[in-house]
Amino acid sequence: RCTSSSSSSSSSAAKFASYSSMKVALQNAVDSEDYEAAADLRDACETIRSELNPREQFLIARLEDLQDDSNDTRTRAEAAASLAEVGTEELVAETISNQLATLHLDEDRAFAEILENSLWTLWLKAP
């Protein structure tokens, strides 16, 4: 049982890593106006996303909500809390940590506390 869960988690982590790197490459292609490459990367992202189970698709959507700076603080805070409840440390802790590291704590103290609480929720989950 533990081996199956572990390999499933590793598989999810690999899919998440692949999806994330493709999203970065997609943004770089759009920024450099290489629209043909961007279309191919968009299609590859959609293929990976379609292979994810519903829980993983939910996590991807919430990760994107958290990382989208155009979202209001409430939306991003709700995404962080959802990720902490549904996600695993392996899949989402790094993203939440990165968000926390980029905040200006004086301006975003309440949001920073939500991110910190989300990390603690992930770290304290029973394995």
Foldseek 3Di string as FASTA:
>chain_A
DVVVVVVVVVVLLVLLVVLVVLVVVLVVCVVVVVVVSNVVSVVVNVVSLVPDDPLSVLLVVLLCQLPPPVHDLVSNLVSLQVCLVRHACSRPVVSLVVSLVPDPCVVCVVSNVSSVVSNVSRVPDDD
